[in-house]
Amino acid sequence: MRTIGEVSAAFGIKPHVLRYWEQQFPVLQPLKRSGGRRLYRAEDIALVERIDRLVNQQGYTLKGANKALLEGQGGDGPAESDSSPQSREQATRDATSSEVLVRLYAIRNRLSGALAD
């Protein structure tokens, strides 16, 4: 589980944008703890990565990206309605890969900050 700040730093997306995406993409629902603190699970991180890819790399509008996600065209991951054992296994692998990517992005950001000092 990662905080909104960790996910923000890992992907280079400001926290207010992530909160806005929660409103625009109903499938993005991180856990909310006391005081409204958000905790992103591996599945949420994978979804943020897919949304980022669609919007910032492939040029989708938010409405188009939402439609693509709902239709299962959101990138590498399986469609949300696909529940076969193989697709669940693939989704778990994708979530684990996303978790590793978040950690690598955070390390990269820390290193670039250290080099700037």
N, C-alpha and C. Protein backbone atom coordinates (compact mmCIF):
# COMPACT_ATOMS: atom_id res chain seq x y z
N MET A 1 0.83 -1.18 0.00
CA MET A 1 0.00 0.00 0.00
C MET A 1 0.88 1.25 0.00
N ARG A 2 0.49 2.20 -0.81
CA ARG A 2 1.25 3.43 -0.95
C ARG A 2 0.34 4.63 -0.68
N THR A 3 0.93 5.69 -0.17
CA THR A 3 0.16 6.91 0.05
C THR A 3 0.04 7.66 -1.27
N ILE A 4 -0.85 8.63 -1.29
CA ILE A 4 -1.04 9.42 -2.49
C ILE A 4 0.25 10.17 -2.86
N GLY A 5 1.01 10.59 -1.85
CA GLY A 5 2.28 11.28 -2.11
C GLY A 5 3.30 10.37 -2.78
N GLU A 6 3.36 9.12 -2.35
CA GLU A 6 4.30 8.17 -2.95
C GLU A 6 3.92 7.86 -4.40
N VAL A 7 2.63 7.66 -4.65
CA VAL A 7 2.17 7.39 -6.02
C VAL A 7 2.40 8.63 -6.88
N SER A 8 2.12 9.79 -6.33
CA SER A 8 2.33 11.04 -7.05
C SER A 8 3.79 11.20 -7.46
N ALA A 9 4.69 10.98 -6.53
CA ALA A 9 6.12 11.12 -6.82
C ALA A 9 6.59 10.07 -7.82
N ALA A 10 6.07 8.86 -7.71
CA ALA A 10 6.51 7.78 -8.58
C ALA A 10 6.14 8.03 -10.03
N PHE A 11 4.96 8.57 -10.28
CA PHE A 11 4.51 8.77 -11.65
C PHE A 11 4.66 10.21 -12.13
N GLY A 12 5.05 11.11 -11.25
CA GLY A 12 5.18 12.50 -11.64
C GLY A 12 3.83 13.16 -11.89
N ILE A 13 2.83 12.72 -11.15
CA ILE A 13 1.47 13.25 -11.26
C ILE A 13 1.14 13.94 -9.94
N LYS A 14 0.70 15.16 -10.00
CA LYS A 14 0.40 15.90 -8.77
C LYS A 14 -0.76 15.24 -8.02
N PRO A 15 -0.73 15.30 -6.67
CA PRO A 15 -1.79 14.67 -5.88
C PRO A 15 -3.19 15.17 -6.22
N HIS A 16 -3.34 16.47 -6.54
CA HIS A 16 -4.68 16.96 -6.86
C HIS A 16 -5.21 16.34 -8.16
N VAL A 17 -4.30 15.98 -9.06
CA VAL A 17 -4.72 15.33 -10.31
C VAL A 17 -5.21 13.91 -9.99
N LEU A 18 -4.50 13.21 -9.11
CA LEU A 18 -4.94 11.87 -8.72
C LEU A 18 -6.32 11.93 -8.05
N ARG A 19 -6.54 12.93 -7.20
CA ARG A 19 -7.85 13.06 -6.56
C ARG A 19 -8.93 13.36 -7.60
N TYR A 20 -8.60 14.18 -8.59
CA TYR A 20 -9.54 14.48 -9.67
C TYR A 20 -9.85 13.22 -10.47
N TRP A 21 -8.81 12.43 -10.76
CA TRP A 21 -9.02 11.18 -11.49
C TRP A 21 -9.96 10.24 -10.73
N GLU A 22 -9.92 10.26 -9.40
CA GLU A 22 -10.83 9.43 -8.61
C GLU A 22 -12.28 9.82 -8.90
N GLN A 23 -12.52 11.10 -9.15
CA GLN A 23 -13.87 11.56 -9.47
C GLN A 23 -14.26 11.16 -10.89
N GLN A 24 -13.30 11.23 -11.81
CA GLN A 24 -13.59 10.99 -13.22
C GLN A 24 -13.61 9.51 -13.60
N PHE A 25 -12.90 8.68 -12.85
CA PHE A 25 -12.80 7.25 -13.15
C PHE A 25 -13.37 6.47 -11.97
N PRO A 26 -14.62 6.06 -12.06
CA PRO A 26 -15.26 5.36 -10.94
C PRO A 26 -14.54 4.07 -10.53
N VAL A 27 -13.78 3.46 -11.43
CA VAL A 27 -13.07 2.23 -11.08
C VAL A 27 -11.86 2.49 -10.19
N LEU A 28 -11.40 3.73 -10.12
CA LEU A 28 -10.27 4.09 -9.27
C LEU A 28 -10.79 4.46 -7.88
N GLN A 29 -10.66 3.54 -6.95
CA GLN A 29 -11.17 3.74 -5.60
C GLN A 29 -10.13 3.30 -4.57
N PRO A 30 -9.13 4.14 -4.27
CA PRO A 30 -8.17 3.75 -3.23
C PRO A 30 -8.86 3.70 -1.87
N LEU A 31 -8.25 2.98 -0.95
CA LEU A 31 -8.79 2.93 0.40
C LEU A 31 -8.66 4.29 1.06
N LYS A 32 -9.63 4.63 1.87
CA LYS A 32 -9.55 5.89 2.60
C LYS A 32 -9.56 5.59 4.08
N ARG A 33 -8.54 6.03 4.76
CA ARG A 33 -8.41 5.82 6.21
C ARG A 33 -8.94 7.03 6.96
N SER A 34 -8.81 7.00 8.26
CA SER A 34 -9.30 8.10 9.07
C SER A 34 -8.65 9.41 8.63
N GLY A 35 -9.42 10.44 8.64
CA GLY A 35 -8.92 11.74 8.21
C GLY A 35 -8.86 11.87 6.70
N GLY A 36 -9.40 10.88 5.97
CA GLY A 36 -9.42 10.95 4.51
C GLY A 36 -8.12 10.57 3.83
N ARG A 37 -7.18 10.00 4.59
CA ARG A 37 -5.89 9.61 3.99
C ARG A 37 -6.11 8.47 3.01
N ARG A 38 -5.58 8.63 1.81
CA ARG A 38 -5.74 7.63 0.76
C ARG A 38 -4.58 6.65 0.79
N LEU A 39 -4.92 5.38 0.63
CA LEU A 39 -3.91 4.34 0.50
C LEU A 39 -4.19 3.57 -0.79
N TYR A 40 -3.20 3.60 -1.68
CA TYR A 40 -3.34 2.94 -2.97
C TYR A 40 -2.81 1.52 -2.89
N ARG A 41 -3.68 0.56 -3.24
CA ARG A 41 -3.28 -0.84 -3.31
C ARG A 41 -2.57 -1.07 -4.65
N ALA A 42 -2.00 -2.24 -4.81
CA ALA A 42 -1.29 -2.57 -6.06
C ALA A 42 -2.22 -2.45 -7.26
N GLU A 43 -3.49 -2.87 -7.10
CA GLU A 43 -4.45 -2.76 -8.22
C GLU A 43 -4.71 -1.31 -8.57
N ASP A 44 -4.79 -0.45 -7.56
CA ASP A 44 -5.02 0.97 -7.79
C ASP A 44 -3.82 1.59 -8.52
N ILE A 45 -2.63 1.18 -8.12
CA ILE A 45 -1.41 1.70 -8.75
C ILE A 45 -1.36 1.27 -10.21
N ALA A 46 -1.73 0.02 -10.48
CA ALA A 46 -1.76 -0.47 -11.86
C ALA A 46 -2.77 0.34 -12.68
N LEU A 47 -3.90 0.67 -12.08
CA LEU A 47 -4.92 1.46 -12.76
C LEU A 47 -4.44 2.88 -13.03
N VAL A 48 -3.77 3.49 -12.06
CA VAL A 48 -3.20 4.83 -12.26
C VAL A 48 -2.21 4.79 -13.41
N GLU A 49 -1.40 3.75 -13.46
CA GLU A 49 -0.43 3.61 -14.55
C GLU A 49 -1.14 3.51 -15.90
N ARG A 50 -2.23 2.75 -15.95
CA ARG A 50 -2.99 2.61 -17.21
C ARG A 50 -3.62 3.94 -17.61
N ILE A 51 -4.20 4.64 -16.65
CA ILE A 51 -4.83 5.93 -16.94
C ILE A 51 -3.77 6.92 -17.42
N ASP A 52 -2.62 6.95 -16.74
CA ASP A 52 -1.53 7.84 -17.13
C ASP A 52 -1.08 7.53 -18.56
N ARG A 53 -0.95 6.25 -18.88
CA ARG A 53 -0.53 5.86 -20.23
C ARG A 53 -1.55 6.33 -21.27
N LEU A 54 -2.83 6.11 -20.99
CA LEU A 54 -3.87 6.51 -21.94
C LEU A 54 -3.93 8.02 -22.12
N VAL A 55 -3.91 8.76 -21.01
CA VAL A 55 -4.11 10.21 -21.07
C VAL A 55 -2.84 10.94 -21.49
N ASN A 56 -1.72 10.64 -20.85
CA ASN A 56 -0.51 11.43 -21.06
C ASN A 56 0.41 10.90 -22.15
N GLN A 57 0.29 9.64 -22.52
CA GLN A 57 1.17 9.11 -23.56
C GLN A 57 0.42 8.86 -24.87
N GLN A 58 -0.82 8.37 -24.77
CA GLN A 58 -1.57 8.04 -25.98
C GLN A 58 -2.54 9.14 -26.40
N GLY A 59 -2.68 10.18 -25.58
CA GLY A 59 -3.47 11.34 -25.96
C GLY A 59 -4.98 11.21 -25.84
N TYR A 60 -5.46 10.27 -25.05
CA TYR A 60 -6.89 10.13 -24.83
C TYR A 60 -7.40 11.30 -24.00
N THR A 61 -8.65 11.67 -24.22
CA THR A 61 -9.31 12.58 -23.30
C THR A 61 -9.70 11.77 -22.07
N LEU A 62 -10.08 12.43 -20.99
CA LEU A 62 -10.51 11.69 -19.81
C LEU A 62 -11.74 10.83 -20.11
N LYS A 63 -12.66 11.38 -20.87
CA LYS A 63 -13.86 10.64 -21.24
C LYS A 63 -13.49 9.42 -22.10
N GLY A 64 -12.59 9.61 -23.04
CA GLY A 64 -12.16 8.51 -23.91
C GLY A 64 -11.38 7.45 -23.14
N ALA A 65 -10.55 7.89 -22.20
CA ALA A 65 -9.78 6.94 -21.39
C ALA A 65 -10.72 6.14 -20.50
N ASN A 66 -11.72 6.79 -19.94
CA ASN A 66 -12.70 6.10 -19.10
C ASN A 66 -13.43 5.03 -19.92
N LYS A 67 -13.83 5.39 -21.11
CA LYS A 67 -14.52 4.44 -21.99
C LYS A 67 -13.60 3.28 -22.34
N ALA A 68 -12.35 3.57 -22.66
CA ALA A 68 -11.39 2.52 -23.00
C ALA A 68 -11.19 1.56 -21.83
N LEU A 69 -11.10 2.11 -20.61
CA LEU A 69 -10.94 1.26 -19.43
C LEU A 69 -12.16 0.37 -19.22
N LEU A 70 -13.34 0.95 -19.37
CA LEU A 70 -14.57 0.19 -19.16
C LEU A 70 -14.74 -0.90 -20.22
N GLU A 71 -14.22 -0.67 -21.42
CA GLU A 71 -14.31 -1.66 -22.49
C GLU A 71 -13.14 -2.63 -22.47
N GLY A 72 -12.21 -2.44 -21.51
CA GLY A 72 -11.10 -3.37 -21.40
C GLY A 72 -9.96 -3.08 -22.36
N GLN A 73 -9.88 -1.85 -22.87
CA GLN A 73 -8.82 -1.48 -23.80
C GLN A 73 -7.76 -0.62 -23.13
N GLY A 74 -7.65 -0.69 -21.83
CA GLY A 74 -6.79 0.22 -21.10
C GLY A 74 -5.34 -0.15 -21.04
N GLY A 75 -4.83 -0.86 -21.99
CA GLY A 75 -3.40 -1.18 -21.98
C GLY A 75 -3.15 -2.65 -21.84
N ASP A 76 -2.13 -3.01 -21.04
CA ASP A 76 -1.69 -4.39 -20.93
C ASP A 76 -2.64 -5.27 -20.15
N GLY A 77 -3.35 -4.69 -19.17
CA GLY A 77 -4.14 -5.49 -18.25
C GLY A 77 -5.38 -6.07 -18.88
N PRO A 78 -5.97 -7.09 -18.27
CA PRO A 78 -7.18 -7.70 -18.79
C PRO A 78 -8.38 -6.81 -18.58
N ALA A 79 -9.45 -7.11 -19.27
CA ALA A 79 -10.68 -6.37 -19.09
C ALA A 79 -11.17 -6.58 -17.67
N GLU A 80 -11.85 -5.59 -17.13
CA GLU A 80 -12.31 -5.67 -15.76
C GLU A 80 -13.28 -6.82 -15.55
N SER A 81 -14.08 -7.16 -16.57
CA SER A 81 -15.09 -8.20 -16.42
C SER A 81 -14.53 -9.60 -16.62
N ASP A 82 -13.29 -9.74 -17.04
CA ASP A 82 -12.68 -11.03 -17.28
C ASP A 82 -12.24 -11.64 -15.96
N SER A 83 -12.82 -12.79 -15.59
CA SER A 83 -12.51 -13.33 -14.27
C SER A 83 -11.99 -14.77 -14.33
N SER A 84 -11.43 -15.19 -15.46
CA SER A 84 -10.87 -16.54 -15.53
C SER A 84 -9.63 -16.61 -14.66
N PRO A 85 -9.24 -17.83 -14.22
CA PRO A 85 -8.05 -17.94 -13.36
C PRO A 85 -6.80 -17.37 -14.01
N GLN A 86 -6.66 -17.55 -15.33
CA GLN A 86 -5.48 -17.01 -16.01
C GLN A 86 -5.49 -15.50 -16.00
N SER A 87 -6.64 -14.88 -16.18
CA SER A 87 -6.69 -13.42 -16.19
C SER A 87 -6.45 -12.85 -14.80
N ARG A 88 -6.94 -13.54 -13.76
CA ARG A 88 -6.67 -13.08 -12.39
C ARG A 88 -5.18 -13.20 -12.08
N GLU A 89 -4.57 -14.27 -12.56
CA GLU A 89 -3.12 -14.45 -12.35
C GLU A 89 -2.35 -13.34 -13.07
N GLN A 90 -2.76 -13.03 -14.30
CA GLN A 90 -2.12 -11.97 -15.06
C GLN A 90 -2.32 -10.62 -14.37
N ALA A 91 -3.51 -10.39 -13.84
CA ALA A 91 -3.78 -9.13 -13.13
C ALA A 91 -2.89 -9.01 -11.90
N THR A 92 -2.68 -10.12 -11.20
CA THR A 92 -1.80 -10.12 -10.03
C THR A 92 -0.37 -9.80 -10.45
N ARG A 93 0.07 -10.40 -11.55
CA ARG A 93 1.43 -10.11 -12.05
C ARG A 93 1.55 -8.66 -12.46
N ASP A 94 0.53 -8.12 -13.13
CA ASP A 94 0.54 -6.71 -13.53
C ASP A 94 0.61 -5.79 -12.32
N ALA A 95 -0.16 -6.12 -11.29
CA ALA A 95 -0.16 -5.30 -10.08
C ALA A 95 1.20 -5.34 -9.40
N THR A 96 1.82 -6.52 -9.37
CA THR A 96 3.16 -6.65 -8.78
C THR A 96 4.17 -5.85 -9.59
N SER A 97 4.07 -5.92 -10.91
CA SER A 97 4.97 -5.15 -11.77
C SER A 97 4.80 -3.66 -11.53
N SER A 98 3.58 -3.23 -11.36
CA SER A 98 3.31 -1.82 -11.11
C SER A 98 3.90 -1.38 -9.78
N GLU A 99 3.81 -2.24 -8.78
CA GLU A 99 4.39 -1.94 -7.47
C GLU A 99 5.90 -1.75 -7.59
N VAL A 100 6.54 -2.62 -8.36
CA VAL A 100 7.99 -2.51 -8.58
C VAL A 100 8.30 -1.20 -9.32
N LEU A 101 7.48 -0.87 -10.32
CA LEU A 101 7.68 0.38 -11.06
C LEU A 101 7.56 1.59 -10.14
N VAL A 102 6.59 1.58 -9.26
CA VAL A 102 6.42 2.70 -8.32
C VAL A 102 7.68 2.86 -7.49
N ARG A 103 8.20 1.76 -6.99
CA ARG A 103 9.42 1.83 -6.18
C ARG A 103 10.60 2.35 -7.01
N LEU A 104 10.72 1.88 -8.25
CA LEU A 104 11.83 2.34 -9.10
C LEU A 104 11.71 3.83 -9.42
N TYR A 105 10.48 4.29 -9.73
CA TYR A 105 10.28 5.72 -10.00
C TYR A 105 10.64 6.55 -8.77
N ALA A 106 10.26 6.08 -7.59
CA ALA A 106 10.58 6.81 -6.36
C ALA A 106 12.08 6.88 -6.15
N ILE A 107 12.78 5.78 -6.40
CA ILE A 107 14.24 5.77 -6.27
C ILE A 107 14.86 6.74 -7.27
N ARG A 108 14.37 6.71 -8.51
CA ARG A 108 14.88 7.61 -9.54
C ARG A 108 14.69 9.07 -9.13
N ASN A 109 13.52 9.39 -8.62
CA ASN A 109 13.23 10.77 -8.21
C ASN A 109 14.12 11.20 -7.06
N ARG A 110 14.35 10.29 -6.09
CA ARG A 110 15.24 10.61 -4.98
C ARG A 110 16.67 10.84 -5.47
N LEU A 111 17.12 10.00 -6.40
CA LEU A 111 18.47 10.14 -6.92
C LEU A 111 18.62 11.44 -7.72
N SER A 112 17.64 11.76 -8.53
CA SER A 112 17.74 13.00 -9.31
C SER A 112 17.71 14.21 -8.39
N GLY A 113 16.94 14.12 -7.29
CA GLY A 113 16.92 15.21 -6.31
C GLY A 113 18.26 15.35 -5.61
N ALA A 114 18.89 14.22 -5.32
CA ALA A 114 20.21 14.25 -4.65
C ALA A 114 21.28 14.81 -5.57
N LEU A 115 21.16 14.51 -6.87
CA LEU A 115 22.14 15.02 -7.82
C LEU A 115 21.98 16.53 -8.04
N ALA A 116 20.75 17.01 -7.89
CA ALA A 116 20.50 18.45 -8.09
C ALA A 116 21.06 19.29 -6.94
N ASP A 117 21.20 18.67 -5.77
CA ASP A 117 21.69 19.39 -4.60
C ASP A 117 23.15 19.60 -4.65
